[in-house]
């Protein structure tokens, strides 16, 4: 299976504290949210739970002590997640993948298991694979498809961004963070472009 970041960066990521892993996942979610928000607006669907999840994840980085029912948040996210069978557009698959990243973060917050990080990191790749394949008219049975997709500028950009996020997080102390460190991470999210931009 294709993956975006090199083994060395992935190994470093999985060696991080739970707080830094959460920060990496939030940065990933932030890049995927524009497609989810756009889909919800276009289809007149409620986006509020995905926004609430985002705010709860950020709050946890700043002050992880407030009690929160992550299992309930996870259920609310899954209840609001669009089903690809109900829509005939590629946009629904982008929205679904972003929602599943949000769900994996809630799962990670509940049990801190690395499997949720590994799963979450597959969803941007799935979205990019579908987007690039569609844009380039590639067919699923083409044996060279992974090489072609892997070389696309958007895929390369996301791979670089994920690797740079790991490098960035490795230079700062573990959360909970001071307001200034928190602002640094939040500012990083605000300067990154969306996944398909």
Protein backbone atom coordinates (compact mmCIF):
# COMPACT_ATOMS: atom_id res chain seq x y z
CA UNK A 1 0.00 0.00 0.00
CA UNK A 2 1.18 3.51 -0.78
CA UNK A 3 2.07 5.79 2.09
CA UNK A 4 3.03 9.41 2.25
CA UNK A 5 5.75 9.94 4.84
CA UNK A 6 9.02 7.99 4.97
CA UNK A 7 9.51 5.24 7.56
CA UNK A 8 11.93 7.37 9.59
CA UNK A 9 9.38 10.18 10.04
CA UNK A 10 6.58 7.69 10.78
CA UNK A 11 8.73 5.98 13.42
CA UNK A 12 9.53 9.35 15.01
CA UNK A 13 5.84 10.29 15.00
CA UNK A 14 4.86 7.08 16.76
CA UNK A 15 7.54 7.70 19.40
CA UNK A 16 6.01 11.07 20.33
CA UNK A 17 4.03 11.72 23.49
CA UNK A 18 0.24 11.43 23.19
CA UNK A 19 -0.01 15.24 23.11
CA UNK A 20 2.31 15.62 20.15
CA UNK A 21 0.55 12.79 18.33
CA UNK A 22 -2.71 14.65 18.89
CA UNK A 23 -1.16 17.83 17.49
CA UNK A 24 -0.06 15.97 14.35
CA UNK A 25 -3.58 14.55 13.89
CA UNK A 26 -5.19 17.97 14.37
CA UNK A 27 -2.90 19.49 11.73
CA UNK A 28 -3.94 16.68 9.38
CA UNK A 29 -7.63 17.21 10.14
CA UNK A 30 -7.30 20.97 9.55
CA UNK A 31 -5.99 20.32 6.02
CA UNK A 32 -8.90 18.00 5.25
CA UNK A 33 -11.67 20.12 6.76
CA UNK A 34 -12.22 22.48 3.79
CA UNK A 35 -13.63 19.63 1.66
CA UNK A 36 -15.85 18.46 4.52
CA UNK A 37 -17.13 21.98 5.17
CA UNK A 38 -17.73 22.58 1.45
CA UNK A 39 -19.63 19.32 1.10
CA UNK A 40 -21.84 20.07 4.11
CA UNK A 41 -22.65 23.54 2.76
CA UNK A 42 -23.39 22.25 -0.75
CA UNK A 43 -25.61 19.42 0.50
CA UNK A 44 -27.20 21.50 3.29
CA UNK A 45 -25.86 19.15 5.97
CA UNK A 46 -25.03 20.06 9.56
CA UNK A 47 -21.32 20.78 9.95
CA UNK A 48 -21.51 21.73 13.63
CA UNK A 49 -20.31 18.43 15.14
CA UNK A 50 -17.17 18.51 13.00
CA UNK A 51 -16.50 22.09 14.12
CA UNK A 52 -17.17 21.13 17.76
CA UNK A 53 -14.77 18.20 17.44
CA UNK A 54 -12.11 20.53 16.04
CA UNK A 55 -12.50 22.93 18.96
CA UNK A 56 -12.42 20.10 21.52
CA UNK A 57 -9.22 18.70 20.00
CA UNK A 58 -7.52 22.10 20.09
CA UNK A 59 -8.75 22.70 23.65
CA UNK A 60 -7.23 19.39 24.72
CA UNK A 61 -3.83 20.55 23.52
CA UNK A 62 -4.07 23.65 25.67
CA UNK A 63 -5.76 22.12 28.70
CA UNK A 64 -6.18 18.36 28.60
CA UNK A 65 -7.66 18.20 32.08
CA UNK A 66 -11.31 18.96 31.30
CA UNK A 67 -13.44 15.79 31.34
CA UNK A 68 -14.87 14.90 27.96
CA UNK A 69 -16.86 11.92 26.70
CA UNK A 70 -14.74 11.01 23.70
CA UNK A 71 -16.95 7.96 23.07
CA UNK A 72 -19.99 10.24 22.76
CA UNK A 73 -18.14 12.64 20.49
CA UNK A 74 -17.05 9.71 18.34
CA UNK A 75 -20.65 8.50 18.07
CA UNK A 76 -21.86 11.99 17.17
CA UNK A 77 -19.20 12.25 14.46
CA UNK A 78 -20.10 8.84 13.02
CA UNK A 79 -23.81 9.75 13.07
CA UNK A 80 -23.06 12.92 11.05
CA UNK A 81 -20.61 11.27 8.64
CA UNK A 82 -21.94 11.17 5.06
CA UNK A 83 -22.52 7.83 3.39
CA UNK A 84 -21.08 7.53 -0.12
CA UNK A 85 -24.08 5.42 -1.17
CA UNK A 86 -26.37 8.41 -0.62
CA UNK A 87 -24.44 10.74 -2.94
CA UNK A 88 -22.99 10.28 -6.39
CA UNK A 89 -20.13 12.76 -6.21
CA UNK A 90 -16.43 12.47 -5.59
CA UNK A 91 -16.83 15.26 -3.03
CA UNK A 92 -18.67 12.90 -0.68
CA UNK A 93 -15.64 10.62 -0.54
CA UNK A 94 -13.42 13.59 0.39
CA UNK A 95 -15.93 14.58 3.09
CA UNK A 96 -16.16 10.99 4.33
CA UNK A 97 -12.37 10.71 4.60
CA UNK A 98 -12.15 13.98 6.55
CA UNK A 99 -14.94 12.85 8.89
CA UNK A 100 -13.14 9.56 9.47
CA UNK A 101 -10.00 11.45 10.46
CA UNK A 102 -12.12 13.31 13.03
CA UNK A 103 -13.45 9.96 14.26
CA UNK A 104 -9.95 8.51 14.54
CA UNK A 105 -8.87 11.48 16.63
CA UNK A 106 -11.78 10.94 19.04
CA UNK A 107 -10.83 7.26 19.21
CA UNK A 108 -7.21 8.22 19.91
CA UNK A 109 -8.31 10.59 22.66
CA UNK A 110 -10.25 7.74 24.28
CA UNK A 111 -7.52 5.09 24.30
CA UNK A 112 -4.24 6.64 22.98
CA UNK A 113 -3.63 3.68 20.64
CA UNK A 114 -1.32 4.25 17.67
CA UNK A 115 -3.59 2.28 15.34
CA UNK A 116 -5.81 5.37 15.13
CA UNK A 117 -2.88 7.47 13.90
CA UNK A 118 -1.96 4.90 11.26
CA UNK A 119 -5.59 4.72 10.09
CA UNK A 120 -6.02 8.50 10.04
CA UNK A 121 -2.92 8.88 7.87
CA UNK A 122 -4.48 6.69 5.15
CA UNK A 123 -7.46 8.99 4.58
CA UNK A 124 -5.64 11.95 3.00
CA UNK A 125 -3.86 9.48 0.75
CA UNK A 126 -7.19 7.94 -0.30
CA UNK A 127 -8.60 11.40 -1.08
CA UNK A 128 -5.52 12.44 -3.04
CA UNK A 129 -5.42 9.11 -4.90
CA UNK A 130 -9.06 9.53 -5.98
CA UNK A 131 -8.60 13.19 -6.90
CA UNK A 132 -5.43 12.70 -8.93
CA UNK A 133 -6.77 9.57 -10.65
CA UNK A 134 -9.89 11.46 -11.69
CA UNK A 135 -7.98 14.56 -12.83
CA UNK A 136 -5.55 12.49 -14.91
CA UNK A 137 -8.10 9.98 -16.23
CA UNK A 138 -6.29 7.04 -14.64
CA UNK A 139 -7.99 3.67 -14.29
CA UNK A 140 -7.77 1.47 -11.21
CA UNK A 141 -6.30 -1.52 -13.05
CA UNK A 142 -3.34 0.46 -14.41
CA UNK A 143 -0.29 -1.10 -12.70
CA UNK A 144 1.64 2.17 -12.82
CA UNK A 145 -1.10 4.16 -11.08
CA UNK A 146 0.63 4.34 -7.68
CA UNK A 147 3.83 5.69 -9.24
CA UNK A 148 1.89 8.27 -11.25
CA UNK A 149 -0.20 9.36 -8.26
CA UNK A 150 2.85 9.36 -5.97
CA UNK A 151 4.64 11.81 -8.26
CA UNK A 152 1.75 14.28 -8.47
CA UNK A 153 2.50 17.73 -6.96
CA UNK A 154 -0.45 17.58 -4.51
CA UNK A 155 0.66 14.19 -3.20
CA UNK A 156 4.26 15.40 -2.91
CA UNK A 157 3.07 18.53 -1.10
CA UNK A 158 1.10 16.53 1.48
CA UNK A 159 4.00 14.11 1.99
CA UNK A 160 6.35 17.07 2.62
CA UNK A 161 3.84 18.74 4.93
CA UNK A 162 3.41 15.61 7.06
CA UNK A 163 7.17 15.13 7.28
CA UNK A 164 7.65 18.82 8.17
CA UNK A 165 4.92 18.57 10.84
CA UNK A 166 6.81 15.69 12.45
CA UNK A 167 10.08 17.65 12.30
CA UNK A 168 8.39 20.76 13.71
CA UNK A 169 6.77 18.88 16.60
CA UNK A 170 10.03 17.16 17.45
CA UNK A 171 11.61 20.55 18.22
CA UNK A 172 9.14 21.60 20.95
CA UNK A 173 8.40 20.22 24.38
CA UNK A 174 5.49 17.94 25.16
CA UNK A 175 2.07 19.43 25.90
CA UNK A 176 0.40 20.83 27.86
CA UNK A 177 1.81 23.93 26.24
CA UNK A 178 2.10 27.53 27.24
CA UNK A 179 -0.13 29.97 25.35
CA UNK A 180 2.83 30.93 23.16
CA UNK A 181 3.66 27.34 22.14
CA UNK A 182 -0.02 26.58 21.59
CA UNK A 183 -0.29 29.69 19.39
CA UNK A 184 2.74 28.54 17.42
CA UNK A 185 1.06 25.20 16.61
CA UNK A 186 -2.31 26.82 15.90
CA UNK A 187 -0.59 29.35 13.65
CA UNK A 188 1.04 26.51 11.75
CA UNK A 189 -2.41 25.05 11.05
CA UNK A 190 -3.67 28.40 9.80
CA UNK A 191 -0.82 28.81 7.31
CA UNK A 192 -1.11 25.36 5.76
CA UNK A 193 -3.19 24.92 2.62
CA UNK A 194 -6.05 22.47 2.30
CA UNK A 195 -5.35 18.98 1.05
CA UNK A 196 -6.63 19.53 -2.51
CA UNK A 197 -5.27 23.07 -2.93
